[in-house]
Protein backbone atom coordinates (compact mmCIF):
# COMPACT_ATOMS: atom_id res chain seq x y z
CA UNK A 1 0.09 -0.02 0.08
CA UNK A 2 1.51 3.42 -1.10
CA UNK A 3 2.02 5.99 1.53
CA UNK A 4 -0.23 9.16 1.27
CA UNK A 5 2.31 11.98 0.46
CA UNK A 6 2.00 14.58 3.36
CA UNK A 7 2.52 17.49 0.92
CA UNK A 8 0.13 16.54 -1.82
CA UNK A 9 -3.56 17.69 -2.00
CA UNK A 10 -6.12 14.79 -1.58
CA UNK A 11 -7.54 13.79 -4.71
CA UNK A 12 -10.72 15.48 -5.73
CA UNK A 13 -10.00 18.56 -3.31
CA UNK A 14 -9.64 21.88 -4.98
CA UNK A 15 -7.93 24.40 -2.78
CA UNK A 16 -4.85 25.90 -1.19
CA UNK A 17 -3.52 23.83 1.52
CA UNK A 18 -2.66 25.42 4.65
CA UNK A 19 -1.13 22.29 6.43
CA UNK A 20 -1.24 18.52 5.65
CA UNK A 21 -0.24 15.31 7.39
CA UNK A 22 -0.47 11.88 6.24
CA UNK A 23 0.24 8.09 7.24
CA UNK A 24 0.07 4.88 5.23
CA UNK A 25 -3.82 4.82 5.39
CA UNK A 26 -4.95 8.29 5.32
CA UNK A 27 -4.11 11.98 4.60
CA UNK A 28 -5.48 15.10 6.73
CA UNK A 29 -5.38 18.54 5.42
CA UNK A 30 -6.72 21.92 6.03
CA UNK A 31 -7.36 24.12 3.03
CA UNK A 32 -9.02 27.09 1.50
CA UNK A 33 -10.94 27.03 -1.75
CA UNK A 34 -9.43 28.44 -4.66
CA UNK A 35 -11.41 27.27 -7.60
CA UNK A 36 -14.76 29.40 -8.60
CA UNK A 37 -17.66 27.22 -8.29
CA UNK A 38 -18.07 26.82 -12.19
CA UNK A 39 -14.64 25.23 -12.28
CA UNK A 40 -15.66 22.35 -10.42
CA UNK A 41 -16.76 19.31 -12.26
CA UNK A 42 -18.55 16.26 -11.37
CA UNK A 43 -15.81 13.98 -9.97
CA UNK A 44 -15.42 10.60 -7.94
CA UNK A 45 -13.55 9.50 -5.04
CA UNK A 46 -12.08 6.10 -5.13
CA UNK A 47 -11.25 6.60 -1.25
CA UNK A 48 -13.25 7.61 1.89
CA UNK A 49 -13.31 11.30 1.64
CA UNK A 50 -14.53 13.09 4.88
CA UNK A 51 -14.92 17.06 4.70
CA UNK A 52 -15.33 19.35 7.76
CA UNK A 53 -16.79 22.55 6.60
CA UNK A 54 -15.64 25.25 8.91
CA UNK A 55 -16.53 28.46 6.97
CA UNK A 56 -18.11 29.47 3.91
CA UNK A 57 -21.28 28.53 1.74
CA UNK A 58 -21.14 25.02 0.43
CA UNK A 59 -23.19 23.10 -1.97
CA UNK A 60 -23.41 19.35 -1.57
CA UNK A 61 -25.21 16.51 -3.00
CA UNK A 62 -25.02 14.64 0.60
CA UNK A 63 -28.04 13.43 2.29
CA UNK A 64 -29.45 15.71 4.92
CA UNK A 65 -27.63 18.88 3.51
CA UNK A 66 -29.52 22.13 2.55
CA UNK A 67 -29.49 23.60 -0.90
CA UNK A 68 -26.73 25.80 0.40
CA UNK A 69 -24.87 25.07 3.62
CA UNK A 70 -23.51 28.43 5.30
CA UNK A 71 -22.54 26.80 8.68
CA UNK A 72 -20.34 24.39 9.83
CA UNK A 73 -21.06 20.70 8.93
CA UNK A 74 -19.36 17.16 8.58
CA UNK A 75 -19.70 15.28 5.38
CA UNK A 76 -19.10 11.82 4.83
CA UNK A 77 -18.22 10.41 1.39
CA UNK A 78 -17.78 6.68 1.23
CA UNK A 79 -15.35 5.09 -1.31
CA UNK A 80 -16.62 5.28 -5.04
CA UNK A 81 -18.90 8.16 -4.42
CA UNK A 82 -19.42 10.87 -7.36
CA UNK A 83 -20.46 14.26 -6.87
CA UNK A 84 -20.16 17.96 -7.69
CA UNK A 85 -19.79 19.33 -4.27
CA UNK A 86 -18.22 22.94 -4.40
CA UNK A 87 -17.93 26.19 -2.48
CA UNK A 88 -20.28 28.91 -3.57
CA UNK A 89 -18.13 31.67 -1.61
CA UNK A 90 -14.51 32.23 -1.60
CA UNK A 91 -14.00 32.82 2.14
CA UNK A 92 -14.27 29.43 2.94
CA UNK A 93 -12.03 27.08 5.39
CA UNK A 94 -12.38 23.13 5.25
CA UNK A 95 -10.55 20.18 6.67
CA UNK A 96 -10.24 16.99 4.58
CA UNK A 97 -9.58 13.46 5.75
CA UNK A 98 -9.15 10.86 2.89
CA UNK A 99 -8.67 7.30 3.76
CA UNK A 100 -7.67 4.46 1.44
CA UNK A 101 -10.64 2.04 0.90
CA UNK A 102 -9.21 -1.07 2.40
CA UNK A 103 -8.14 0.78 5.61
CA UNK A 104 -11.68 2.43 5.70
CA UNK A 105 -13.54 -0.88 5.18
CA UNK A 106 -11.30 -2.32 8.14
CA UNK A 107 -12.22 0.52 10.26
CA UNK A 108 -16.10 0.22 9.56
CA UNK A 109 -15.85 -3.58 10.50
CA UNK A 110 -18.83 -5.87 10.28
CA UNK A 111 -21.23 -3.16 10.60
CA UNK A 112 -20.06 -2.06 6.90
CA UNK A 113 -19.59 1.37 5.44
CA UNK A 114 -22.44 3.98 4.81
CA UNK A 115 -23.90 3.26 1.28
CA UNK A 116 -24.13 7.09 0.25
CA UNK A 117 -22.89 10.30 1.06
CA UNK A 118 -24.39 11.93 4.09
CA UNK A 119 -24.06 14.98 6.37
CA UNK A 120 -23.31 13.59 9.95
CA UNK A 121 -25.24 14.68 13.24
CA UNK A 122 -24.26 17.94 14.82
CA UNK A 123 -22.35 16.00 17.30
CA UNK A 124 -19.86 14.87 14.85
CA UNK A 125 -18.29 18.34 14.83
CA UNK A 126 -17.17 18.19 18.32
CA UNK A 127 -15.50 14.95 17.39
CA UNK A 128 -14.05 16.41 14.28
CA UNK A 129 -12.52 19.58 15.85
CA UNK A 130 -9.72 17.82 17.67
CA UNK A 131 -8.44 16.93 13.97
CA UNK A 132 -7.64 20.61 13.59
CA UNK A 133 -5.53 20.59 16.69
CA UNK A 134 -3.63 17.18 15.69
CA UNK A 135 -2.83 18.50 12.23
CA UNK A 136 -0.97 21.37 13.47
CA UNK A 137 0.88 19.62 16.34
CA UNK A 138 1.46 16.31 14.51
CA UNK A 139 3.41 13.72 16.50
CA UNK A 140 3.43 9.93 16.77
CA UNK A 141 0.05 9.58 18.66
CA UNK A 142 -1.73 11.72 16.22
CA UNK A 143 -2.55 8.88 13.67
CA UNK A 144 -4.37 7.04 16.71
CA UNK A 145 -6.62 10.15 17.45
CA UNK A 146 -7.51 10.59 13.93
CA UNK A 147 -8.66 7.13 13.53
CA UNK A 148 -10.31 7.13 16.79
CA UNK A 149 -12.22 10.32 16.02
CA UNK A 150 -13.41 8.83 12.54
CA UNK A 151 -14.46 5.63 14.21
CA UNK A 152 -16.79 7.90 16.62
CA UNK A 153 -18.06 9.67 13.61
CA UNK A 154 -18.81 6.45 11.84
CA UNK A 155 -21.04 5.40 14.81
CA UNK A 156 -22.74 8.82 14.52
CA UNK A 157 -23.52 7.82 10.91
CA UNK A 158 -25.60 5.01 12.12
CA UNK A 159 -28.46 6.87 13.95
CA UNK A 160 -30.77 5.12 16.22
CA UNK A 161 -33.83 3.90 14.15
CA UNK A 162 -37.36 5.29 14.55
CA UNK A 163 -40.52 4.51 12.67
CA UNK A 164 -40.80 6.20 9.20
CA UNK A 165 -44.03 8.11 10.59
CA UNK A 166 -41.98 9.18 13.62
CA UNK A 167 -38.87 10.27 11.55
CA UNK A 168 -41.20 12.63 9.13
CA UNK A 169 -42.37 14.31 12.32
CA UNK A 170 -38.94 14.83 13.79
CA UNK A 171 -37.80 16.10 10.32
CA UNK A 172 -40.33 18.84 10.73
CA UNK A 173 -39.14 19.75 14.11
CA UNK A 174 -35.50 19.84 13.03
CA UNK A 175 -36.36 22.10 9.95
CA UNK A 176 -38.04 24.62 12.49
CA UNK A 177 -34.95 24.44 14.89
CA UNK A 178 -32.84 25.34 12.03
CA UNK A 179 -34.65 28.42 11.19
CA UNK A 180 -33.79 31.79 12.41
CA UNK A 181 -37.11 32.31 14.00
CA UNK A 182 -36.47 32.77 17.79
CA UNK A 183 -36.52 29.81 20.21
CA UNK A 184 -39.76 27.83 20.11
CA UNK A 185 -41.36 26.10 22.93
CA UNK A 186 -41.84 22.41 23.37
CA UNK A 187 -45.48 22.82 22.72
CA UNK A 188 -45.07 24.54 19.44
CA UNK A 189 -42.56 21.79 18.24
CA UNK A 190 -45.10 19.42 19.31
CA UNK A 191 -47.82 21.10 17.30
CA UNK A 192 -45.48 21.05 14.31
CA UNK A 193 -44.79 17.36 14.63
CA UNK A 194 -48.50 16.49 15.29
CA UNK A 195 -47.66 14.64 18.82
CA UNK A 196 -47.79 14.93 22.43
CA UNK A 197 -45.00 17.07 23.86
CA UNK A 198 -43.85 14.17 26.20
CA UNK A 199 -43.82 11.69 23.22
CA UNK A 200 -41.77 14.44 21.11
CA UNK A 201 -39.24 14.84 23.62
CA UNK A 202 -38.58 11.04 24.16
CA UNK A 203 -38.63 10.37 20.36
CA UNK A 204 -36.16 13.40 19.75
CA UNK A 205 -33.84 12.23 22.31
CA UNK A 206 -34.00 8.53 21.16
CA UNK A 207 -33.19 9.68 17.44
CA UNK A 208 -30.54 12.44 18.07
CA UNK A 209 -29.18 11.87 21.45
CA UNK A 210 -29.83 15.24 22.73
CA UNK A 211 -32.95 17.22 23.52
CA UNK A 212 -34.27 19.96 21.34
CA UNK A 213 -33.14 22.43 23.64
CA UNK A 214 -29.47 21.09 23.50
CA UNK A 215 -29.91 20.80 19.66
CA UNK A 216 -30.52 24.53 19.44
CA UNK A 217 -27.66 25.48 21.66
CA UNK A 218 -25.27 23.26 19.35
CA UNK A 219 -26.41 24.76 16.54
CA UNK A 220 -25.63 28.21 18.13
CA UNK A 221 -22.20 27.05 18.80
CA UNK A 222 -21.83 25.73 15.21
CA UNK A 223 -22.54 29.04 13.75
CA UNK A 224 -19.93 30.74 16.28
CA UNK A 225 -17.36 28.34 14.77
CA UNK A 226 -17.92 29.82 11.21
CA UNK A 227 -17.94 33.53 12.60
CA UNK A 228 -14.63 33.13 14.43
CA UNK A 229 -13.18 31.09 11.59
CA UNK A 230 -13.81 34.44 9.42
CA UNK A 231 -12.22 36.35 11.86
CA UNK A 232 -14.97 38.05 13.84
CA UNK A 233 -14.33 38.93 17.34
CA UNK A 234 -15.61 36.72 20.37
CA UNK A 235 -17.86 39.58 21.64
CA UNK A 236 -19.39 40.30 18.33
CA UNK A 237 -20.10 36.51 17.77
CA UNK A 238 -21.78 36.20 21.16
CA UNK A 239 -23.86 39.20 20.52
CA UNK A 240 -25.08 38.20 17.11
CA UNK A 241 -25.87 34.54 18.36
CA UNK A 242 -27.76 35.25 21.52
CA UNK A 243 -25.23 34.33 24.21
CA UNK A 244 -25.13 36.36 27.39
CA UNK A 245 -21.74 37.78 26.62
CA UNK A 246 -18.36 36.65 25.41
CA UNK A 247 -17.51 34.81 28.52
CA UNK A 248 -20.78 32.83 28.20
CA UNK A 249 -19.67 31.89 24.58
CA UNK A 250 -16.18 31.10 25.75
CA UNK A 251 -17.07 28.58 28.34
CA UNK A 252 -19.65 26.76 25.98
CA UNK A 253 -17.10 26.69 23.31
CA UNK A 254 -14.72 25.01 25.31
CA UNK A 255 -17.27 22.36 26.93
CA UNK A 256 -18.32 21.71 23.39
CA UNK A 257 -15.03 21.52 21.49
CA UNK A 258 -12.23 21.21 23.98
CA UNK A 259 -10.20 24.09 23.08
CA UNK A 260 -10.86 27.84 23.74
CA UNK A 261 -12.11 30.09 20.78
CA UNK A 262 -8.79 31.72 20.76
CA UNK A 263 -6.83 28.58 20.21
CA UNK A 264 -9.29 27.69 17.52
CA UNK A 265 -8.70 31.01 15.76
CA UNK A 266 -5.15 30.57 15.84
CA UNK A 267 -5.29 27.11 14.56
CA UNK A 268 -8.11 27.79 11.79
CA UNK A 269 -6.60 30.99 10.56
CA UNK A 270 -2.78 30.69 11.14
CA UNK A 271 -0.44 32.85 12.93
CA UNK A 272 0.08 35.28 9.70
CA UNK A 273 -3.90 35.67 9.08
CA UNK A 274 -4.46 36.27 12.66
CA UNK A 275 -1.80 38.87 12.78
CA UNK A 276 -3.44 40.53 9.35
CA UNK A 277 -6.92 40.65 11.14
CA UNK A 278 -5.78 42.41 14.14
CA UNK A 279 -3.82 44.77 12.00
CA UNK A 280 -6.59 45.53 9.71
CA UNK A 281 -8.79 46.51 13.16
CA UNK A 282 -6.16 48.71 14.35
CA UNK A 283 -6.20 50.55 11.07
CA UNK A 284 -9.80 50.75 11.24
CA UNK A 285 -9.84 52.46 14.66
């Protein structure tokens, strides 16, 4: 089996590589998009391809993706998938993890690999964020960290089954929670789903592993990731997303992602770009 070149961009990825590391089985990279949307053609991936969208507007054919995604997301493309996923904006930032098909099949084990491209549940972003830290501080144990995180995300890709009728009800609830239309009550969500509030609360947790309220909190944190990756200050991000203050956002960010917003900004933007953003702010005073 040939080793991934740690200096080569993974096949099918179009962007400027900020950092990349690799092993015999996989390559992990952080990139910014450089090819305009019209320049992306339909293409396939012989290997597994995981994309962690940190910032930018992204179009994907994966299941459970909106028409245009403008918040962080984790997208799993099993080996052999063809698509025309692309950025609709040039301010994007993303991670890619590509793994050779035999290694991916071994990791999936008897449960087998997913059969189609899919957006992973929201908890997968918290599992994916340590990949950014490992990429920039690469050392011998990093490969194990990466494989473990991917294994956990594969478990996320196998959601707990519910009846088809319940799935349809929960999808309507998810659509409401993903709207920017204020915080709904459990009664409002139950009315949307057409069921009793207690039934909805139990079915939602059984399907997604969190309560509707925790899902909404997680969504706000994911939007904070995108804003911080674009260079927005913690205070402005907190104010725009409804956190009490920047300290509240800081605590929630650390609890969810295991790193501070400042540490994430340094990793996501790089020291040179952080300095550029700070200089621009000083000039604007």
